[in-house]
Amino acid sequence: MQENALKAARETSYSQLDAAGIVAVHETSLEILAKVGIRVESPEAVEVFRRAGAANDGNIIFLTASLLNRTLTSAPSVVTLAGHDGHPDLEVGGTRSFAGTGGAALQVLDLESDAVRPATLRDIYQIARLVDQLEHIDFFVRPVIPRDIPEEGQDLNQYYAALAGTRKHVMAAVSRVESARRAIRLAALLCGGRDRLREKPVISFITSCCVSPLTLDRHSTEIMAELVRQEMPVVIGSAPMAGSTAPVTLAGTLAQMNAELLAGIALSQLINPGAPVIYGAVPAIADMHSGGFSGGAVEFGMLNGAAAQMAQFYDLPVYTSAGVTDSRTPDIQAGYEKAFSLLQLVHSGANLIHHAAGMLDSLKSVAYEQYVIDNDIIGMARRADRGIKVDRERLALEVIRDIGHHGSFLTHKHTRRYLRKERIFLRLGDRDNPKGEKGEWLDARQRARRQAQELLAAEPVVHIPPEIDRQLRQEFEILL
């Protein structure tokens, strides 16, 4: 145990918890599950725990350390999330970091008028198209809830719109078990069959089965159970808010959240040992003035970075959050809040960092230009995390000797060889002073908006072959 804690504390360039802190959170979570227990609302799940030997008091389940150890051992340490149409897969685990979109925003800042309007299904498709062209965003989580289609059609159509717009891996939540089955069927048709989908899952699922404090929600738990039976990658999520649904202390929030996630993961492995599950840690901060969510708080990044360490301690892939802001527009506040948490999470070695691009107003809205801005921020954070590589060629002694005291390094072949290996080139950095149509200087938001418009003006790339698209439209009510 101590060896794993030391590894998790020292393996990355950024650590919120030292080894003793990791062990203390772990042991407190075990005590919570053994003595306080977890409330399980699904009768089926209660029976699964009982058959595994867990004690219960009605629907309060008490989990021992030995049962938890057994189930955690069966959970995979790496989960593959596949791209489609030739896009590379993501091997999620260890300290490999990937950045993605996220959210369930109801509003969009319109790219042309800048007016706030209800989100639509076409927004999912257009944002997916935009993200497909942004090099530092690795996966696509459905960013908005479409307000222009019936609720019963949202689950399936969100997957279709995303897969039509991007080759990158697609994640989303569904509202019912039948929707999960239909989404799996849609993805299987796209991939060439259920076996192929199992091997190369182009979609995955997010479940919020852990409802703080200390409850496994019936509805989400039953969806999760269906997904693990079908061997689809699934995030088992918990999102406690420090100060409202969890203790105000950060350590207390971590201990409670970790207990909730261990219970959810244990259930998944009792249902189907080896099922590809992801430790879904999205601890948040409550605004103590309003009781609402404060995504821009510095402690938000601290908590999510510490959560990544806990997943590393258990050798589990982790899904976390960063890039959230409380600002309503792409302004200075949005920039510094997003940059700070993204840098924290990339440095922590968190695997799937969702909400990393596009989100505004405490997750209530998105802006197209914000995706372009955040793409640059993610790239900068990654470059900082790579650090400085030192070897004979990079120390450049021979080059320095060659140039001597009065020459220039600009045209030397060493500069050409290493320029793009050592530097990151941003889309938006104001280094050439671009101007607008009237000769005025353009700020970062204006430049980002113009670039988003240009990217979306390009001819759409077809990611779903026409013959498969016809089959999907025959079988499902596709509304895009």
Protein backbone atom coordinates (compact mmCIF):
# COMPACT_ATOMS: atom_id res chain seq x y z
CA MET A 1 0.00 0.00 0.00
CA GLN A 2 2.74 2.45 1.00
CA GLU A 3 4.65 1.68 -2.22
CA ASN A 4 1.59 2.50 -4.34
CA ALA A 5 1.02 5.71 -2.41
CA LEU A 6 4.61 6.81 -2.95
CA LYS A 7 4.25 6.08 -6.66
CA ALA A 8 1.03 8.09 -6.96
CA ALA A 9 2.53 10.96 -4.98
CA ARG A 10 5.76 11.21 -6.96
CA GLU A 11 4.99 9.94 -10.46
CA THR A 12 3.66 13.24 -11.72
CA SER A 13 5.02 16.78 -11.64
CA TYR A 14 2.10 18.01 -9.53
CA SER A 15 0.80 16.42 -6.35
CA GLN A 16 -1.91 17.68 -4.00
CA LEU A 17 -1.54 14.68 -1.70
CA ASP A 18 1.61 13.20 -0.25
CA ALA A 19 1.84 9.46 0.39
CA ALA A 20 0.49 9.76 3.93
CA GLY A 21 -2.46 11.80 2.67
CA ILE A 22 -3.35 9.22 0.02
CA VAL A 23 -3.31 6.41 2.60
CA ALA A 24 -5.37 8.51 5.04
CA VAL A 25 -8.06 9.20 2.42
CA HIS A 26 -8.11 5.51 1.47
CA GLU A 27 -8.41 4.29 5.07
CA THR A 28 -11.13 6.83 5.88
CA SER A 29 -13.11 5.70 2.83
CA LEU A 30 -12.83 2.08 3.99
CA GLU A 31 -14.11 3.07 7.42
CA ILE A 32 -17.02 4.98 5.89
CA LEU A 33 -18.06 1.93 3.84
CA ALA A 34 -17.60 -0.50 6.72
CA LYS A 35 -19.31 1.53 9.46
CA VAL A 36 -21.57 4.15 7.84
CA GLY A 37 -22.38 2.15 4.72
CA ILE A 38 -23.70 3.09 1.31
CA ARG A 39 -27.40 3.53 0.56
CA VAL A 40 -28.35 1.38 -2.44
CA GLU A 41 -31.69 2.25 -4.02
CA SER A 42 -31.79 -0.58 -6.57
CA PRO A 43 -33.19 -3.83 -5.11
CA GLU A 44 -31.24 -5.76 -7.74
CA ALA A 45 -28.00 -4.10 -6.64
CA VAL A 46 -28.75 -4.80 -2.97
CA GLU A 47 -29.11 -8.48 -3.85
CA VAL A 48 -25.82 -8.46 -5.80
CA PHE A 49 -24.01 -7.09 -2.76
CA ARG A 50 -25.74 -9.55 -0.42
CA ARG A 51 -24.78 -12.53 -2.58
CA ALA A 52 -21.17 -11.33 -2.44
CA GLY A 53 -21.26 -11.47 1.36
CA ALA A 54 -21.89 -7.81 2.21
CA ALA A 55 -23.85 -7.08 5.37
CA ASN A 56 -26.89 -4.86 5.13
CA ASP A 57 -29.47 -3.00 7.16
CA GLY A 58 -32.32 -2.75 4.70
CA ASN A 59 -30.86 -0.91 1.71
CA ILE A 60 -27.79 0.30 3.62
CA ILE A 61 -24.89 -1.89 2.49
CA PHE A 62 -21.70 -2.30 4.49
CA LEU A 63 -18.58 -3.22 2.53
CA THR A 64 -15.46 -4.80 3.98
CA ALA A 65 -11.91 -4.09 2.89
CA SER A 66 -11.50 -7.67 1.66
CA LEU A 67 -14.56 -7.46 -0.61
CA LEU A 68 -13.37 -4.11 -1.99
CA ASN A 69 -9.86 -5.43 -2.61
CA ARG A 70 -11.25 -8.41 -4.50
CA THR A 71 -13.43 -6.29 -6.77
CA LEU A 72 -10.85 -3.57 -7.39
CA THR A 73 -8.35 -6.21 -8.47
CA SER A 74 -10.67 -7.37 -11.26
CA ALA A 75 -11.19 -3.87 -12.69
CA PRO A 76 -8.87 -3.18 -15.66
CA SER A 77 -6.06 -0.67 -15.24
CA VAL A 78 -6.31 0.45 -18.88
CA VAL A 79 -9.48 1.02 -20.90
CA THR A 80 -9.41 1.53 -24.67
CA LEU A 81 -11.64 4.27 -26.09
CA ALA A 82 -11.60 4.02 -29.86
CA GLY A 83 -11.87 6.65 -32.52
CA HIS A 84 -13.58 5.93 -35.83
CA ASP A 85 -12.99 6.72 -39.49
CA GLY A 86 -9.25 6.27 -38.94
CA HIS A 87 -8.78 8.35 -35.79
CA PRO A 88 -6.30 6.94 -33.23
CA ASP A 89 -7.58 5.18 -30.11
CA LEU A 90 -7.04 6.44 -26.56
CA GLU A 91 -5.38 4.03 -24.13
CA VAL A 92 -6.78 5.39 -20.87
CA GLY A 93 -4.72 4.61 -17.78
CA GLY A 94 -1.49 5.33 -15.97
CA THR A 95 -0.68 9.04 -16.13
CA ARG A 96 -1.53 9.58 -19.82
CA SER A 97 -3.67 12.72 -20.12
CA PHE A 98 -6.37 13.37 -22.71
CA ALA A 99 -8.52 16.50 -22.92
CA GLY A 100 -12.13 16.55 -24.02
CA THR A 101 -15.30 18.57 -24.12
CA GLY A 102 -18.17 18.01 -21.74
CA GLY A 103 -21.22 19.32 -20.04
CA ALA A 104 -24.96 19.40 -20.35
CA ALA A 105 -25.38 23.08 -21.15
CA LEU A 106 -28.81 24.35 -22.10
CA GLN A 107 -27.60 27.55 -23.79
CA VAL A 108 -25.22 28.54 -26.59
CA LEU A 109 -23.62 31.88 -27.37
CA ASP A 110 -24.48 32.13 -31.04
CA LEU A 111 -21.39 32.26 -33.25
CA GLU A 112 -22.85 34.91 -35.59
CA SER A 113 -25.03 37.13 -33.39
CA ASP A 114 -23.39 36.53 -29.98
CA ALA A 115 -26.91 36.22 -28.55
CA VAL A 116 -27.62 33.62 -25.88
CA ARG A 117 -30.06 31.06 -27.29
CA PRO A 118 -31.31 27.53 -26.51
CA ALA A 119 -29.00 24.70 -27.56
CA THR A 120 -30.01 22.57 -30.56
CA LEU A 121 -29.15 19.18 -32.00
CA ARG A 122 -27.29 20.93 -34.81
CA ASP A 123 -25.07 22.56 -32.19
CA ILE A 124 -23.85 19.11 -31.13
CA TYR A 125 -22.99 18.34 -34.76
CA GLN A 126 -21.34 21.71 -35.42
CA ILE A 127 -19.33 21.65 -32.19
CA ALA A 128 -18.22 18.11 -33.04
CA ARG A 129 -17.08 19.34 -36.47
CA LEU A 130 -15.15 22.17 -34.84
CA VAL A 131 -13.54 19.89 -32.24
CA ASP A 132 -12.57 17.44 -34.99
CA GLN A 133 -10.25 20.14 -36.35
CA LEU A 134 -8.74 21.26 -33.03
CA GLU A 135 -5.55 19.32 -32.45
CA HIS A 136 -5.30 19.47 -28.66
CA ILE A 137 -8.83 18.16 -27.95
CA ASP A 138 -8.74 14.36 -27.88
CA PHE A 139 -12.29 13.19 -27.23
CA PHE A 140 -15.83 14.49 -27.52
CA VAL A 141 -18.36 14.55 -24.69
CA ARG A 142 -21.82 15.74 -25.68
CA PRO A 143 -21.63 19.43 -24.64
CA VAL A 144 -25.28 20.53 -24.74
CA ILE A 145 -28.79 19.22 -24.25
CA PRO A 146 -30.70 19.87 -27.49
CA ARG A 147 -33.85 21.85 -26.75
CA ASP A 148 -35.33 21.56 -30.24
CA ILE A 149 -36.14 17.83 -30.26
CA PRO A 150 -38.38 15.67 -28.05
CA GLU A 151 -36.79 14.40 -24.86
CA GLU A 152 -37.30 10.78 -25.88
CA GLY A 153 -35.15 11.34 -28.98
CA GLN A 154 -32.24 13.10 -27.28
CA ASP A 155 -30.20 10.12 -26.11
CA LEU A 156 -29.80 8.42 -29.48
CA ASN A 157 -29.56 11.58 -31.56
CA GLN A 158 -26.79 13.05 -29.42
CA TYR A 159 -24.62 10.05 -30.31
CA TYR A 160 -25.55 10.22 -33.99
CA ALA A 161 -24.84 13.96 -34.25
CA ALA A 162 -21.49 13.58 -32.50
CA LEU A 163 -20.36 10.59 -34.58
CA ALA A 164 -21.41 12.40 -37.76
CA GLY A 165 -19.31 15.41 -36.79
CA THR A 166 -16.07 13.95 -35.44
CA ARG A 167 -13.76 10.96 -35.75
CA LYS A 168 -12.73 11.36 -32.12
CA HIS A 169 -14.08 9.11 -29.38
CA VAL A 170 -17.61 10.07 -28.27
CA MET A 171 -18.94 9.95 -24.71
CA ALA A 172 -22.37 10.84 -23.36
CA ALA A 173 -24.91 10.02 -20.68
CA VAL A 174 -28.25 8.37 -21.38
CA SER A 175 -31.49 8.70 -19.46
CA ARG A 176 -32.82 5.14 -19.66
CA VAL A 177 -31.68 1.54 -20.10
CA GLU A 178 -33.38 1.18 -23.48
CA SER A 179 -31.53 4.26 -24.74
CA ALA A 180 -28.24 2.62 -23.81
CA ARG A 181 -29.17 -0.46 -25.82
CA ARG A 182 -30.17 1.63 -28.83
CA ALA A 183 -26.95 3.66 -28.70
CA ILE A 184 -24.94 0.43 -28.59
CA ARG A 185 -26.88 -0.86 -31.58
CA LEU A 186 -26.21 2.37 -33.51
CA ALA A 187 -22.48 2.20 -32.76
CA ALA A 188 -22.35 -1.50 -33.68
CA LEU A 189 -23.88 -0.76 -37.09
CA LEU A 190 -21.29 1.96 -37.62
CA CYS A 191 -18.39 -0.29 -36.57
CA GLY A 192 -19.38 -3.45 -38.42
CA GLY A 193 -20.97 -5.52 -35.68
CA ARG A 194 -21.22 -6.03 -31.95
CA ASP A 195 -17.97 -8.00 -31.68
CA ARG A 196 -16.10 -5.28 -33.51
CA LEU A 197 -17.62 -2.64 -31.21
CA ARG A 198 -16.53 -4.61 -28.15
CA GLU A 199 -13.00 -4.67 -29.54
CA LYS A 200 -13.00 -1.02 -30.69
CA PRO A 201 -15.62 0.89 -28.69
CA VAL A 202 -16.19 4.15 -30.56
CA ILE A 203 -18.63 5.31 -27.90
CA SER A 204 -18.65 5.11 -24.13
CA PHE A 205 -21.07 6.11 -21.40
CA ILE A 206 -21.09 8.38 -18.36
CA THR A 207 -23.26 7.43 -15.39
CA SER A 208 -23.91 9.44 -12.25
CA CYS A 209 -24.84 6.42 -10.19
CA CYS A 210 -23.10 7.80 -7.10
CA VAL A 211 -25.31 10.54 -5.67
CA SER A 212 -23.77 12.36 -2.74
CA PRO A 213 -23.93 11.83 0.10
CA LEU A 214 -23.31 8.06 0.08
CA THR A 215 -26.09 6.85 -2.23
CA LEU A 216 -26.18 4.65 -5.32
CA ASP A 217 -29.14 6.03 -7.26
CA ARG A 218 -31.55 3.40 -8.56
CA HIS A 219 -32.08 4.80 -12.04
CA SER A 220 -28.43 5.46 -12.92
CA THR A 221 -27.26 2.27 -11.22
CA GLU A 222 -29.57 0.17 -13.38
CA ILE A 223 -28.20 1.89 -16.50
CA MET A 224 -24.65 1.21 -15.30
CA ALA A 225 -25.49 -2.45 -14.63
CA GLU A 226 -26.77 -2.86 -18.19
CA LEU A 227 -23.65 -1.27 -19.64
CA VAL A 228 -21.20 -3.43 -17.69
CA ARG A 229 -23.14 -6.55 -18.69
CA GLN A 230 -22.70 -5.46 -22.29
CA GLU A 231 -18.99 -4.78 -21.66
CA MET A 232 -19.17 -1.18 -22.81
CA PRO A 233 -16.75 1.34 -21.29
CA VAL A 234 -18.55 3.27 -18.59
CA VAL A 235 -17.63 6.09 -16.25
CA ILE A 236 -18.88 5.45 -12.74
CA GLY A 237 -19.29 9.01 -11.58
CA SER A 238 -19.51 10.92 -8.32
CA ALA A 239 -19.74 14.72 -8.11
CA PRO A 240 -19.98 15.81 -4.46
CA MET A 241 -19.91 19.54 -3.74
CA ALA A 242 -17.68 20.50 -0.83
CA GLY A 243 -19.81 22.42 1.63
CA SER A 244 -23.25 21.19 0.49
CA THR A 245 -23.38 17.49 -0.44
CA ALA A 246 -19.99 16.73 1.14
CA PRO A 247 -17.90 18.16 4.00
CA VAL A 248 -16.55 21.66 3.47
CA THR A 249 -13.03 20.34 4.04
CA LEU A 250 -11.31 19.16 0.88
CA ALA A 251 -9.95 16.02 2.55
CA GLY A 252 -13.42 15.11 3.83
CA THR A 253 -14.92 15.57 0.36
CA LEU A 254 -12.22 13.33 -1.12
CA ALA A 255 -12.80 10.60 1.47
CA GLN A 256 -16.58 10.61 0.91
CA MET A 257 -16.30 10.71 -2.88
CA ASN A 258 -13.74 7.93 -2.88
CA ALA A 259 -16.03 5.77 -0.74
CA GLU A 260 -18.91 6.35 -3.17
CA LEU A 261 -16.76 5.45 -6.17
CA LEU A 262 -15.29 2.34 -4.55
CA ALA A 263 -18.83 1.13 -3.86
CA GLY A 264 -19.93 1.80 -7.44
CA ILE A 265 -16.87 0.11 -8.94
CA ALA A 266 -17.28 -2.85 -6.57
CA LEU A 267 -20.86 -3.29 -7.77
CA SER A 268 -19.78 -3.16 -11.42
CA GLN A 269 -17.17 -5.87 -10.89
CA LEU A 270 -19.57 -8.08 -8.94
CA ILE A 271 -21.99 -7.87 -11.88
CA ASN A 272 -19.31 -8.56 -14.51
CA PRO A 273 -15.70 -9.04 -13.35
CA GLY A 274 -13.27 -7.31 -15.67
CA ALA A 275 -15.87 -4.91 -17.09
CA PRO A 276 -14.17 -1.75 -18.47
CA VAL A 277 -15.04 0.90 -15.90
CA ILE A 278 -13.50 4.30 -15.22
CA TYR A 279 -13.13 6.03 -11.84
CA GLY A 280 -15.35 9.06 -12.47
CA ALA A 281 -14.22 11.70 -10.00
CA VAL A 282 -15.73 15.15 -10.46
CA PRO A 283 -15.54 16.70 -6.97
CA ALA A 284 -16.80 20.27 -6.94
CA ILE A 285 -16.93 23.37 -4.77
CA ALA A 286 -20.16 24.90 -3.47
CA ASP A 287 -20.47 28.67 -3.57
CA MET A 288 -21.25 29.30 0.08
CA HIS A 289 -23.09 32.53 -0.76
CA SER A 290 -25.67 30.81 -2.96
CA GLY A 291 -25.20 27.08 -2.41
CA GLY A 292 -24.63 26.69 -6.14
CA PHE A 293 -21.70 25.30 -8.09
CA SER A 294 -18.45 27.28 -8.37
CA GLY A 295 -16.38 25.79 -11.17
CA GLY A 296 -13.86 28.61 -11.25
CA ALA A 297 -12.73 28.12 -7.65
CA VAL A 298 -9.04 27.26 -7.33
CA GLU A 299 -10.00 24.42 -5.00
CA PHE A 300 -11.91 22.79 -7.87
CA GLY A 301 -8.66 22.01 -9.67
CA MET A 302 -7.01 20.98 -6.41
CA LEU A 303 -9.76 18.45 -5.65
CA ASN A 304 -9.75 16.99 -9.14
CA GLY A 305 -5.97 16.70 -9.13
CA ALA A 306 -6.12 14.86 -5.81
CA ALA A 307 -8.86 12.60 -7.18
CA ALA A 308 -6.54 11.64 -10.04
CA GLN A 309 -3.95 10.61 -7.46
CA MET A 310 -6.49 8.37 -5.71
CA ALA A 311 -7.27 6.62 -9.00
CA GLN A 312 -3.54 6.18 -9.63
CA PHE A 313 -3.25 4.65 -6.15
CA TYR A 314 -5.83 2.00 -7.14
CA ASP A 315 -4.31 1.65 -10.64
CA LEU A 316 -7.62 2.63 -12.23
CA PRO A 317 -8.25 4.88 -15.24
CA VAL A 318 -9.73 8.19 -14.14
CA TYR A 319 -12.20 10.74 -15.53
CA THR A 320 -11.95 14.22 -14.01
CA SER A 321 -12.84 17.82 -14.74
CA ALA A 322 -10.97 21.05 -15.52
CA GLY A 323 -11.39 24.09 -17.73
CA VAL A 324 -14.54 25.25 -15.94
CA THR A 325 -15.26 28.92 -15.38
CA ASP A 326 -17.97 30.91 -13.66
CA SER A 327 -17.67 33.69 -16.25
CA ARG A 328 -20.58 34.07 -18.66
CA THR A 329 -18.42 35.20 -21.59
CA PRO A 330 -14.98 34.36 -23.05
CA ASP A 331 -13.22 37.07 -21.04
CA ILE A 332 -10.16 37.45 -18.80
CA GLN A 333 -11.88 35.66 -15.90
CA ALA A 334 -12.65 32.69 -18.14
CA GLY A 335 -9.05 32.63 -19.30
CA TYR A 336 -7.35 32.54 -15.93
CA GLU A 337 -9.85 30.17 -14.30
CA LYS A 338 -9.63 27.72 -17.17
CA ALA A 339 -5.85 27.90 -17.55
CA PHE A 340 -5.19 27.35 -13.87
CA SER A 341 -7.30 24.21 -13.48
CA LEU A 342 -6.20 22.75 -16.83
CA LEU A 343 -2.55 23.16 -15.88
CA GLN A 344 -3.25 21.52 -12.50
CA LEU A 345 -4.96 18.51 -14.07
CA VAL A 346 -2.47 17.97 -16.90
CA HIS A 347 0.36 18.10 -14.36
CA SER A 348 -1.50 15.61 -12.14
CA GLY A 349 -1.52 12.94 -14.86
CA ALA A 350 -5.33 12.78 -14.92
CA ASN A 351 -6.45 10.55 -17.81
CA LEU A 352 -9.73 11.91 -19.19
CA ILE A 353 -10.07 15.63 -18.46
CA HIS A 354 -13.57 16.58 -19.53
CA HIS A 355 -15.07 20.10 -19.53
CA ALA A 356 -11.61 21.07 -20.85
CA ALA A 357 -13.03 23.14 -23.72
CA GLY A 358 -15.99 25.32 -24.53
CA MET A 359 -17.80 25.65 -21.21
CA LEU A 360 -18.92 28.95 -19.66
CA ASP A 361 -21.21 30.19 -16.87
CA SER A 362 -20.59 27.34 -14.40
CA LEU A 363 -21.39 24.76 -17.13
CA LYS A 364 -24.69 26.40 -18.11
CA SER A 365 -23.59 27.57 -21.56
CA VAL A 366 -21.00 27.08 -24.30
CA ALA A 367 -19.43 29.33 -26.93
CA TYR A 368 -17.96 28.19 -30.24
CA GLU A 369 -15.02 30.58 -29.98
CA GLN A 370 -14.24 29.29 -26.49
CA TYR A 371 -13.36 25.88 -27.96
CA VAL A 372 -10.68 27.53 -30.10
CA ILE A 373 -9.31 29.50 -27.14
CA ASP A 374 -9.29 26.46 -24.87
CA ASN A 375 -7.55 24.37 -27.51
CA ASP A 376 -4.58 26.73 -27.18
CA ILE A 377 -4.71 26.63 -23.37
CA ILE A 378 -4.66 22.81 -23.40
CA GLY A 379 -1.70 22.84 -25.78
CA MET A 380 0.22 25.24 -23.55
CA ALA A 381 -0.49 23.15 -20.45
CA ARG A 382 0.77 20.02 -22.21
CA ARG A 383 3.92 21.75 -23.39
CA ALA A 384 4.66 22.94 -19.86
CA ASP A 385 4.08 19.42 -18.53
CA ARG A 386 6.54 17.87 -21.00
CA GLY A 387 9.33 19.83 -19.39
CA ILE A 388 12.79 20.34 -20.82
CA LYS A 389 14.52 17.35 -22.35
CA VAL A 390 18.27 17.36 -21.83
CA ASP A 391 20.59 15.35 -24.08
CA ARG A 392 23.77 15.96 -26.05
CA GLU A 393 21.99 17.26 -29.16
CA ARG A 394 19.73 19.60 -27.20
CA LEU A 395 22.56 21.00 -25.09
CA ALA A 396 23.89 22.13 -28.47
CA LEU A 397 27.54 22.54 -27.49
CA GLU A 398 28.70 21.86 -31.06
CA VAL A 399 26.22 24.38 -32.43
CA ILE A 400 27.31 27.04 -29.95
CA ARG A 401 30.94 26.38 -30.92
CA ASP A 402 29.99 26.57 -34.61
CA ILE A 403 28.18 29.92 -34.29
CA GLY A 404 30.79 31.42 -32.00
CA HIS A 405 30.53 35.01 -30.76
CA HIS A 406 28.98 36.94 -33.62
CA GLY A 407 26.72 34.61 -35.64
CA SER A 408 22.97 33.91 -35.59
CA PHE A 409 21.18 30.69 -34.76
CA LEU A 410 18.13 31.57 -36.90
CA THR A 411 19.28 29.82 -40.08
CA HIS A 412 21.30 27.00 -38.54
CA LYS A 413 20.15 23.46 -39.44
CA HIS A 414 19.96 22.67 -35.69
CA THR A 415 17.25 25.33 -35.34
CA ARG A 416 15.27 23.84 -38.22
CA ARG A 417 15.65 20.34 -36.79
CA TYR A 418 14.43 21.13 -33.30
CA LEU A 419 12.12 24.12 -33.67
CA ARG A 420 8.86 22.17 -33.77
CA LYS A 421 10.07 19.66 -31.21
CA GLU A 422 10.87 22.36 -28.64
CA ARG A 423 8.16 24.97 -29.28
CA ILE A 424 4.38 24.97 -29.45
CA PHE A 425 2.76 27.16 -32.08
CA LEU A 426 -0.63 28.51 -31.04
CA ARG A 427 -3.63 29.33 -33.18
CA LEU A 428 -4.50 32.61 -31.46
CA GLY A 429 -1.36 34.14 -29.95
CA ASP A 430 -1.27 37.81 -31.04
CA ARG A 431 2.23 37.86 -32.51
CA ASP A 432 1.45 39.18 -35.98
CA ASN A 433 -1.11 41.82 -34.93
CA PRO A 434 -4.07 40.76 -37.10
CA LYS A 435 -6.63 43.45 -37.90
CA GLY A 436 -10.31 43.44 -38.72
CA GLU A 437 -12.02 44.69 -41.86
CA LYS A 438 -11.93 48.30 -40.64
CA GLY A 439 -8.29 48.17 -39.60
CA GLU A 440 -9.07 47.77 -35.90
CA TRP A 441 -7.02 45.47 -33.66
CA LEU A 442 -8.77 42.18 -32.90
CA ASP A 443 -8.77 40.80 -29.37
CA ALA A 444 -8.41 37.07 -28.61
CA ARG A 445 -12.15 36.44 -28.59
CA GLN A 446 -12.62 38.14 -31.96
CA ARG A 447 -9.75 36.17 -33.48
CA ALA A 448 -11.14 32.93 -32.04
CA ARG A 449 -14.61 33.67 -33.39
CA ARG A 450 -13.21 34.36 -36.84
CA GLN A 451 -11.22 31.13 -36.77
CA ALA A 452 -14.24 29.10 -35.62
CA GLN A 453 -16.28 30.59 -38.46
CA GLU A 454 -13.56 29.71 -40.98
CA LEU A 455 -13.24 26.13 -39.72
CA LEU A 456 -16.99 25.57 -39.88
CA ALA A 457 -17.27 27.18 -43.32
CA ALA A 458 -15.21 24.34 -44.79
CA GLU A 459 -16.98 21.51 -46.60
CA PRO A 460 -18.19 19.02 -43.94
CA VAL A 461 -16.26 15.76 -43.83
CA VAL A 462 -18.48 12.66 -44.04
CA HIS A 463 -17.63 10.34 -41.14
CA ILE A 464 -20.60 7.98 -41.49
CA PRO A 465 -20.58 6.16 -44.86
CA PRO A 466 -23.77 6.83 -46.88
CA GLU A 467 -24.87 3.18 -46.93
CA ILE A 468 -24.56 2.93 -43.13
CA ASP A 469 -26.29 6.29 -42.72
CA ARG A 470 -29.26 4.99 -44.73
CA GLN A 471 -29.42 1.90 -42.52
CA LEU A 472 -29.33 4.01 -39.36
CA ARG A 473 -32.12 6.24 -40.63
CA GLN A 474 -34.24 3.22 -41.52
CA GLU A 475 -33.87 1.69 -38.06
CA PHE A 476 -33.90 4.83 -35.89
CA GLU A 477 -35.63 8.20 -35.91
CA ILE A 478 -32.63 10.36 -36.79
CA LEU A 479 -33.55 14.03 -36.41
CA LEU A 480 -30.42 15.75 -37.73
